[in-house]
N, C-alpha and C. Protein backbone atom coordinates (compact mmCIF):
# COMPACT_ATOMS: atom_id res chain seq x y z
N UNK A 1 -12.78 -4.01 24.41
CA UNK A 1 -12.57 -3.42 23.35
C UNK A 1 -11.37 -2.11 23.08
N UNK A 2 -10.12 -2.27 23.49
CA UNK A 2 -9.25 -1.29 23.72
C UNK A 2 -9.58 -0.73 22.49
N UNK A 3 -8.58 0.64 22.34
CA UNK A 3 -8.26 1.78 21.31
C UNK A 3 -7.51 0.78 20.54
N UNK A 4 -6.24 0.31 20.71
CA UNK A 4 -4.88 -0.51 20.14
C UNK A 4 -6.13 -1.55 19.55
N UNK A 5 -6.78 -2.29 20.28
CA UNK A 5 -7.47 -3.61 19.39
C UNK A 5 -7.95 -3.73 18.13
N UNK A 6 -8.98 -2.28 18.22
CA UNK A 6 -9.91 -1.61 16.90
C UNK A 6 -9.01 -1.07 16.40
N UNK A 7 -7.93 -0.24 16.16
CA UNK A 7 -7.20 0.23 15.06
C UNK A 7 -6.27 -1.39 14.69
N UNK A 8 -6.32 -2.29 15.22
CA UNK A 8 -5.40 -3.44 14.83
C UNK A 8 -6.43 -3.78 13.59
N UNK A 9 -7.33 -4.24 14.41
CA UNK A 9 -8.64 -4.80 13.59
C UNK A 9 -8.66 -4.14 12.03
N UNK A 10 -9.10 -2.69 12.46
CA UNK A 10 -9.51 -1.64 11.33
C UNK A 10 -8.15 -2.08 9.95
N UNK A 11 -7.04 -2.50 10.30
CA UNK A 11 -5.83 -1.87 10.32
C UNK A 11 -5.89 -3.69 9.23
N UNK A 12 -5.98 -4.36 9.49
CA UNK A 12 -5.89 -6.22 9.33
C UNK A 12 -6.70 -5.78 8.46
N UNK A 13 -8.41 -5.79 8.54
CA UNK A 13 -9.23 -5.57 7.49
C UNK A 13 -8.83 -5.02 6.33
N UNK A 14 -8.74 -3.85 6.51
CA UNK A 14 -9.24 -2.84 5.30
C UNK A 14 -8.07 -3.03 4.33
N UNK A 15 -6.76 -3.78 4.84
CA UNK A 15 -5.65 -4.45 3.77
C UNK A 15 -6.11 -5.13 2.85
N UNK A 16 -7.43 -6.11 3.15
CA UNK A 16 -7.41 -6.80 1.79
C UNK A 16 -8.39 -5.82 -0.01
N UNK A 17 -9.20 -4.94 1.62
CA UNK A 17 -9.64 -3.92 0.71
C UNK A 17 -8.87 -3.11 -0.82
N UNK A 18 -7.20 -2.61 -0.14
CA UNK A 18 -6.23 -1.87 -0.52
C UNK A 18 -5.47 -3.07 -1.47
N UNK A 19 -5.45 -4.58 -1.50
CA UNK A 19 -4.43 -5.34 -1.61
C UNK A 19 -5.45 -5.35 -2.96
N UNK A 20 -6.74 -6.01 -3.16
CA UNK A 20 -7.86 -6.21 -4.31
C UNK A 20 -7.79 -4.96 -5.22
N UNK A 21 -7.71 -3.81 -4.34
CA UNK A 21 -8.38 -2.52 -5.62
C UNK A 21 -6.81 -2.89 -6.51
N UNK A 22 -5.31 -2.57 -5.95
CA UNK A 22 -4.68 -2.28 -5.90
C UNK A 22 -3.90 -3.33 -7.03
N UNK A 23 -4.16 -4.80 -6.96
CA UNK A 23 -4.15 -5.82 -7.85
C UNK A 23 -5.04 -5.88 -9.39
N UNK A 24 -6.21 -5.05 -9.40
CA UNK A 24 -6.67 -4.30 -10.06
C UNK A 24 -6.62 -3.89 -10.87
N UNK A 25 -5.83 -2.71 -10.18
CA UNK A 25 -5.56 -1.40 -10.96
C UNK A 25 -4.32 -2.23 -11.63
N UNK A 26 -3.35 -2.90 -11.03
CA UNK A 26 -1.82 -3.01 -11.64
C UNK A 26 -2.16 -4.15 -12.88
N UNK A 27 -3.60 -4.67 -12.72
CA UNK A 27 -3.71 -5.52 -14.10
C UNK A 27 -4.16 -5.31 -14.85
N UNK A 28 -5.27 -4.19 -14.32
CA UNK A 28 -6.06 -3.58 -15.86
C UNK A 28 -5.16 -2.51 -16.13
N UNK A 29 -4.31 -1.78 -15.40
CA UNK A 29 -3.46 -1.02 -16.64
C UNK A 29 -2.16 -1.56 -17.01
N UNK A 30 -1.74 -2.85 -17.17
CA UNK A 30 -1.11 -3.78 -18.10
C UNK A 30 -1.41 -4.14 -18.57
N UNK A 31 -2.54 -4.64 -18.76
CA UNK A 31 -3.46 -4.86 -19.90
C UNK A 31 -3.54 -3.87 -20.61
N UNK A 32 -4.36 -2.67 -20.36
CA UNK A 32 -4.44 -1.45 -21.41
C UNK A 32 -3.85 -1.15 -22.03
N UNK A 33 -2.27 -0.74 -21.42
CA UNK A 33 -0.92 -1.03 -21.68
C UNK A 33 -0.80 -1.16 -22.89
N UNK A 34 -0.99 -2.88 -22.63
CA UNK A 34 0.07 -3.31 -23.84
C UNK A 34 -1.23 -3.49 -24.67
N UNK A 35 -2.66 -3.74 -24.78
CA UNK A 35 -3.57 -3.78 -25.50
C UNK A 35 -3.80 -1.78 -25.90
N UNK A 36 -2.67 -1.20 -25.68
CA UNK A 36 -3.35 0.60 -26.22
C UNK A 36 -4.67 0.76 -26.04
N UNK A 37 -5.43 0.85 -25.48
CA UNK A 37 -6.58 0.97 -25.04
C UNK A 37 -6.49 2.27 -24.68
N UNK A 38 -7.97 3.01 -24.67
CA UNK A 38 -8.24 4.32 -24.17
C UNK A 38 -8.41 4.19 -22.67
N UNK A 39 -7.43 5.52 -22.19
CA UNK A 39 -7.76 5.57 -20.61
C UNK A 39 -9.34 6.00 -20.36
N UNK A 40 -9.66 5.32 -19.94
CA UNK A 40 -11.87 5.73 -19.61
C UNK A 40 -11.88 6.24 -18.37
N UNK A 41 -13.15 6.96 -17.75
CA UNK A 41 -13.10 7.25 -16.71
C UNK A 41 -12.87 6.46 -15.14
N UNK A 42 -13.18 4.88 -16.31
CA UNK A 42 -13.41 3.80 -15.40
C UNK A 42 -11.94 3.41 -14.75
N UNK A 43 -11.04 3.72 -15.84
CA UNK A 43 -9.74 3.61 -15.34
C UNK A 43 -9.17 4.65 -14.22
N UNK A 44 -9.90 5.50 -15.09
CA UNK A 44 -9.59 6.86 -13.48
C UNK A 44 -9.90 6.69 -12.36
N UNK A 45 -10.96 6.44 -12.23
CA UNK A 45 -11.89 5.92 -10.45
C UNK A 45 -11.19 5.04 -10.26
N UNK A 46 -10.74 3.13 -10.88
CA UNK A 46 -10.15 2.67 -10.09
C UNK A 46 -9.10 3.14 -9.50
N UNK A 47 -8.01 3.98 -10.73
CA UNK A 47 -6.84 4.21 -9.85
C UNK A 47 -7.15 5.34 -8.60
N UNK A 48 -7.98 6.19 -8.71
CA UNK A 48 -8.63 7.36 -7.39
C UNK A 48 -8.55 6.68 -6.05
N UNK A 49 -9.32 5.37 -6.71
CA UNK A 49 -9.97 4.87 -5.40
C UNK A 49 -8.72 3.69 -5.10
N UNK A 50 -8.02 3.14 -5.69
CA UNK A 50 -6.77 2.59 -4.92
C UNK A 50 -6.16 3.75 -3.88
N UNK A 51 -5.87 4.59 -4.66
CA UNK A 51 -5.14 5.46 -4.02
C UNK A 51 -5.55 6.42 -2.89
N UNK A 52 -6.37 6.32 -3.14
CA UNK A 52 -7.62 6.65 -1.57
C UNK A 52 -7.40 5.55 -0.57
N UNK A 53 -7.81 4.21 -1.31
CA UNK A 53 -7.74 3.47 -0.04
C UNK A 53 -6.44 2.84 0.54
N UNK A 54 -5.94 3.64 -0.31
CA UNK A 54 -3.89 2.93 0.08
C UNK A 54 -3.93 4.13 1.26
N UNK A 55 -4.39 5.20 1.29
CA UNK A 55 -4.02 6.54 2.43
C UNK A 55 -4.90 6.58 3.61
N UNK A 56 -6.02 5.88 3.30
CA UNK A 56 -6.84 5.15 4.45
C UNK A 56 -6.23 4.11 5.28
N UNK A 57 -5.40 3.25 4.72
CA UNK A 57 -4.62 2.51 5.34
C UNK A 57 -3.02 3.01 6.05
N UNK A 58 -2.78 3.58 5.13
CA UNK A 58 -1.61 4.42 5.62
C UNK A 58 -2.49 5.00 7.20
N UNK A 59 -2.80 6.02 6.75
CA UNK A 59 -3.59 6.76 8.16
C UNK A 59 -3.43 6.06 9.32
N UNK A 60 -4.55 4.58 8.97
CA UNK A 60 -4.97 3.55 10.34
C UNK A 60 -3.80 3.14 10.76
N UNK A 61 -3.12 2.84 9.74
CA UNK A 61 -1.01 2.52 10.14
C UNK A 61 -0.54 3.59 11.48
N UNK A 62 -0.60 4.38 10.83
CA UNK A 62 0.00 5.67 11.61
C UNK A 62 -0.61 5.62 12.59
N UNK A 63 -1.78 5.83 12.85
CA UNK A 63 -2.43 6.06 14.48
C UNK A 63 -2.05 4.35 15.24
N UNK A 64 -2.23 3.38 14.40
CA UNK A 64 -1.65 2.11 15.17
C UNK A 64 -0.58 1.79 15.58
N UNK A 65 0.20 2.94 14.33
CA UNK A 65 2.40 2.68 15.12
C UNK A 65 2.00 3.28 16.82
N UNK A 66 1.36 4.83 17.04
CA UNK A 66 1.58 5.46 17.95
C UNK A 66 0.98 4.40 19.41
N UNK A 67 -0.07 3.61 19.26
CA UNK A 67 -0.54 2.50 20.29
C UNK A 67 0.04 1.23 20.30
N UNK A 68 0.63 0.55 19.40
CA UNK A 68 1.36 -0.84 19.37
C UNK A 68 2.46 -0.89 20.44
N UNK A 69 2.10 -1.89 20.93
CA UNK A 69 3.19 -1.90 21.98
C UNK A 69 4.73 -2.53 21.53
N UNK A 70 4.71 -3.06 19.65
CA UNK A 70 5.31 -3.64 19.27
C UNK A 70 6.35 -2.34 19.01
N UNK A 71 6.13 -0.99 19.06
CA UNK A 71 6.78 -0.15 18.33
C UNK A 71 7.42 0.80 19.54
N UNK A 72 8.83 0.30 19.25
CA UNK A 72 9.81 1.30 21.03
C UNK A 72 10.91 1.60 20.52
N UNK A 73 11.16 3.11 20.91
CA UNK A 73 12.22 3.71 21.22
C UNK A 73 13.03 3.54 22.34
N UNK A 74 13.89 2.58 22.01
CA UNK A 74 14.68 2.51 23.17
C UNK A 74 16.23 2.46 22.70
N UNK A 75 17.19 2.53 23.40
CA UNK A 75 18.29 2.12 23.19
C UNK A 75 18.77 0.21 21.96
N UNK A 76 17.74 -0.07 22.23
CA UNK A 76 18.11 -1.79 22.06
C UNK A 76 16.83 -1.83 20.78
N UNK A 77 15.99 -1.08 20.67
CA UNK A 77 15.80 -1.41 19.12
C UNK A 77 16.18 -1.37 17.76
N UNK A 78 16.72 -1.25 17.31
CA UNK A 78 17.31 -1.66 16.14
C UNK A 78 18.34 -2.58 16.38
N UNK A 79 18.68 -2.92 17.54
CA UNK A 79 19.15 -4.46 18.24
C UNK A 79 18.37 -5.65 17.85
N UNK A 80 16.91 -5.52 18.21
CA UNK A 80 16.41 -6.86 18.34
C UNK A 80 15.48 -6.40 16.91
N UNK A 81 15.54 -7.89 16.22
CA UNK A 81 14.94 -8.01 14.75
C UNK A 81 13.29 -7.35 14.81
N UNK A 82 12.49 -7.59 15.57
CA UNK A 82 11.11 -7.46 15.40
C UNK A 82 10.63 -6.67 16.19
N UNK A 83 11.41 -5.67 16.87
CA UNK A 83 10.99 -4.56 17.18
C UNK A 83 11.52 -3.59 16.11
N UNK A 84 12.72 -3.80 15.34
CA UNK A 84 13.14 -3.03 14.77
C UNK A 84 12.44 -2.86 13.23
N UNK A 85 11.69 -3.81 12.97
CA UNK A 85 11.07 -4.07 11.87
C UNK A 85 9.77 -3.24 11.71
N UNK A 86 8.77 -3.73 13.37
CA UNK A 86 7.72 -2.82 13.22
C UNK A 86 7.98 -1.26 14.17
N UNK A 87 9.33 -0.95 14.58
CA UNK A 87 9.22 0.54 14.55
C UNK A 87 10.16 1.41 13.59
N UNK A 88 10.72 0.58 12.51
CA UNK A 88 11.03 1.15 11.33
C UNK A 88 10.86 1.36 10.18
N UNK A 89 10.92 -0.36 9.80
CA UNK A 89 11.02 -1.12 8.53
C UNK A 89 9.81 -0.91 7.69
N UNK A 90 8.95 -1.42 8.65
CA UNK A 90 7.52 -1.73 8.18
C UNK A 90 7.24 0.12 7.96
N UNK A 91 6.77 0.74 8.70
CA UNK A 91 6.62 2.20 8.43
C UNK A 91 7.06 2.66 7.29
N UNK A 92 8.71 2.41 6.97
CA UNK A 92 9.24 3.33 5.93
C UNK A 92 8.79 2.43 4.64
N UNK A 93 8.83 1.08 4.73
CA UNK A 93 8.46 0.97 3.14
C UNK A 93 6.83 0.95 2.89
N UNK A 94 6.15 0.85 3.79
CA UNK A 94 4.30 1.06 3.77
C UNK A 94 4.36 2.92 3.14
N UNK A 95 5.49 3.37 3.19
CA UNK A 95 5.53 4.96 3.14
C UNK A 95 6.42 5.09 1.81
N UNK A 96 6.66 4.17 1.12
CA UNK A 96 7.58 4.47 0.04
C UNK A 96 6.31 4.15 -0.93
N UNK A 97 5.51 2.72 -0.59
CA UNK A 97 4.80 1.88 -1.23
C UNK A 97 3.20 3.10 -1.74
N UNK A 98 3.06 4.01 -0.82
CA UNK A 98 2.27 4.74 -0.85
C UNK A 98 2.25 6.39 -1.38
N UNK A 99 4.30 6.72 -1.83
CA UNK A 99 4.41 7.70 -2.41
C UNK A 99 4.12 7.47 -3.67
N UNK A 100 4.43 5.95 -4.07
CA UNK A 100 4.50 4.97 -5.16
C UNK A 100 3.81 5.30 -6.10
N UNK A 101 2.59 5.17 -4.99
CA UNK A 101 1.24 5.21 -5.55
C UNK A 101 0.73 6.72 -5.63
N UNK A 102 1.16 7.33 -5.23
CA UNK A 102 0.54 9.07 -5.30
C UNK A 102 1.45 9.14 -6.38
N UNK A 103 2.26 9.28 -6.66
CA UNK A 103 3.36 9.74 -7.55
C UNK A 103 2.79 9.28 -9.13
N UNK A 104 2.09 8.26 -8.95
CA UNK A 104 1.64 7.46 -10.25
C UNK A 104 0.39 8.26 -10.49
N UNK A 105 -0.72 8.15 -9.34
CA UNK A 105 -1.77 8.40 -9.62
C UNK A 105 -1.56 10.14 -10.02
N UNK A 106 -0.33 10.70 -9.79
CA UNK A 106 -0.45 12.17 -10.32
C UNK A 106 -0.16 12.30 -11.18
N UNK A 107 1.31 11.64 -11.64
CA UNK A 107 1.72 11.55 -13.08
C UNK A 107 0.18 11.44 -14.18
N UNK A 108 0.12 10.52 -13.68
CA UNK A 108 -1.23 9.63 -14.96
C UNK A 108 -1.72 10.68 -15.48
N UNK A 109 -2.64 11.40 -14.71
CA UNK A 109 -3.77 12.33 -14.62
C UNK A 109 -3.07 13.81 -15.31
N UNK A 110 -1.44 13.86 -15.92
CA UNK A 110 -1.06 14.72 -16.30
C UNK A 110 -0.59 14.94 -17.61
N UNK A 111 -0.61 13.61 -17.95
CA UNK A 111 -0.49 12.80 -19.24
C UNK A 111 -1.64 12.71 -20.20
N UNK A 112 -1.18 13.32 -21.47
CA UNK A 112 -2.21 12.86 -22.34
C UNK A 112 -2.54 11.71 -23.30
N UNK A 113 -1.50 10.97 -23.00
CA UNK A 113 -1.37 9.59 -24.20
C UNK A 113 -1.80 9.02 -23.23
N UNK A 114 -3.30 8.09 -23.74
CA UNK A 114 -3.38 7.56 -22.79
C UNK A 114 -2.94 6.11 -22.96
N UNK A 115 -2.06 5.43 -24.18
CA UNK A 115 -0.96 4.10 -23.04
C UNK A 115 -0.30 4.40 -22.14
N UNK A 116 0.12 5.73 -22.33
CA UNK A 116 1.53 6.09 -21.18
C UNK A 116 0.92 6.47 -20.02
N UNK A 117 -0.17 7.23 -19.68
CA UNK A 117 -1.08 6.93 -18.86
C UNK A 117 -1.25 5.46 -17.80
N UNK A 118 -1.48 4.55 -18.76
CA UNK A 118 -1.66 3.36 -18.58
C UNK A 118 -0.21 2.34 -18.07
N UNK A 119 0.93 3.24 -18.87
CA UNK A 119 2.15 2.48 -18.51
C UNK A 119 2.69 3.17 -17.13
N UNK A 120 2.58 4.69 -17.12
CA UNK A 120 3.11 5.25 -15.42
C UNK A 120 1.96 4.24 -14.50
N UNK A 121 0.51 4.22 -14.13
CA UNK A 121 0.19 3.70 -13.32
C UNK A 121 0.40 1.93 -12.96
N UNK A 122 0.64 1.29 -14.27
CA UNK A 122 1.07 0.07 -14.25
C UNK A 122 2.64 0.03 -13.34
N UNK A 123 3.58 0.44 -13.84
CA UNK A 123 4.90 0.17 -13.09
C UNK A 123 4.96 1.18 -12.05
N UNK A 124 4.27 2.53 -11.41
CA UNK A 124 4.22 3.11 -9.85
C UNK A 124 3.09 2.39 -9.22
N UNK A 125 2.00 1.26 -9.28
CA UNK A 125 1.66 0.49 -8.88
C UNK A 125 1.78 -0.64 -8.35
N UNK A 126 2.79 -1.01 -9.93
CA UNK A 126 3.08 -2.58 -9.63
C UNK A 126 4.10 -2.81 -8.89
N UNK A 127 5.03 -1.25 -8.86
CA UNK A 127 6.43 -1.10 -7.48
C UNK A 127 5.66 -1.03 -6.01
N UNK A 128 4.95 -0.49 -6.38
CA UNK A 128 4.22 0.03 -4.22
C UNK A 128 3.69 -1.40 -4.37
N UNK A 129 2.86 -2.47 -5.37
CA UNK A 129 2.35 -3.48 -4.51
C UNK A 129 3.92 -4.62 -4.44
N UNK A 130 4.46 -4.64 -4.82
CA UNK A 130 5.70 -5.22 -4.66
C UNK A 130 6.15 -5.42 -3.39
N UNK A 131 6.49 -3.72 -3.21
CA UNK A 131 6.85 -3.48 -2.04
C UNK A 131 5.94 -4.06 -0.95
N UNK A 132 4.35 -3.41 -0.65
CA UNK A 132 3.98 -4.35 0.27
C UNK A 132 3.85 -5.79 0.34
N UNK A 133 4.13 -6.20 -0.89
CA UNK A 133 4.13 -7.95 -0.68
C UNK A 133 6.00 -8.33 0.14
N UNK A 134 6.59 -7.38 -0.16
CA UNK A 134 7.82 -7.92 0.28
C UNK A 134 7.99 -7.40 2.13
N UNK A 135 7.38 -6.32 2.06
CA UNK A 135 6.78 -5.33 3.57
C UNK A 135 6.15 -6.86 4.20
N UNK A 136 5.23 -7.44 3.93
CA UNK A 136 4.61 -8.66 4.64
C UNK A 136 5.13 -9.81 4.72
N UNK A 137 6.02 -10.12 3.66
CA UNK A 137 6.58 -11.18 3.83
C UNK A 137 7.89 -11.25 4.69
N UNK A 138 8.08 -9.63 4.91
CA UNK A 138 9.08 -9.72 6.16
C UNK A 138 8.62 -9.65 7.00
N UNK A 139 7.72 -9.29 7.34
CA UNK A 139 6.82 -9.32 8.92
C UNK A 139 6.82 -11.12 9.41
N UNK A 140 6.98 -11.75 8.42
CA UNK A 140 6.58 -13.45 9.08
C UNK A 140 4.64 -13.33 9.03
N UNK A 141 4.47 -12.45 8.45
CA UNK A 141 3.47 -12.65 8.89
C UNK A 141 2.16 -13.25 7.56
N UNK A 142 0.96 -13.79 7.95
CA UNK A 142 0.83 -14.13 6.56
C UNK A 142 -0.10 -13.36 5.41
N UNK A 143 0.59 -13.43 4.14
CA UNK A 143 -0.11 -12.71 3.61
C UNK A 143 -1.58 -12.64 3.48
N UNK A 144 -2.23 -13.90 3.86
CA UNK A 144 -4.11 -13.50 4.04
C UNK A 144 -4.31 -14.62 4.81
N UNK A 145 -5.16 -14.47 5.90
CA UNK A 145 -5.87 -14.97 6.79
C UNK A 145 -5.25 -13.68 8.13
N UNK A 146 -5.36 -14.73 9.57
CA UNK A 146 -5.51 -13.86 10.37
C UNK A 146 -4.07 -13.55 11.02
N UNK A 147 -4.09 -12.86 11.62
CA UNK A 147 -2.51 -12.06 11.95
C UNK A 147 -2.27 -12.48 13.62
N UNK A 148 -1.57 -13.10 13.82
CA UNK A 148 -0.97 -13.04 15.63
C UNK A 148 -1.36 -12.10 16.05
């Protein structure tokens, strides 16, 4: 097994953890926001673990970025859709999603009112989830299942 294969498998497998935690966090935040429920220690941990899992995924992806044969820095990089996607678009979209998650987690820690904490998480994590789904769709690869 090559280093590239190892990181590709790790990155492809870990995405399910990130996706599941992100969906659970977004649904919980929306339910608690509209239900005006208290912000519990469980909510805090869920949001923190979601952020940590997304950061781990980003780090795996960053290593993969430098090992991948799909990432190329040539004069044709921006002319070829697949090369442009893996070299520029994917990493930028995922970085944007990570920034949204990190901002949401950070802002929610500073807010005192429970339903406002849930609102911040619902909006920022929800937008991050949308960006991630759009990036996966744009790649032409399945959201779930094996990748080529």
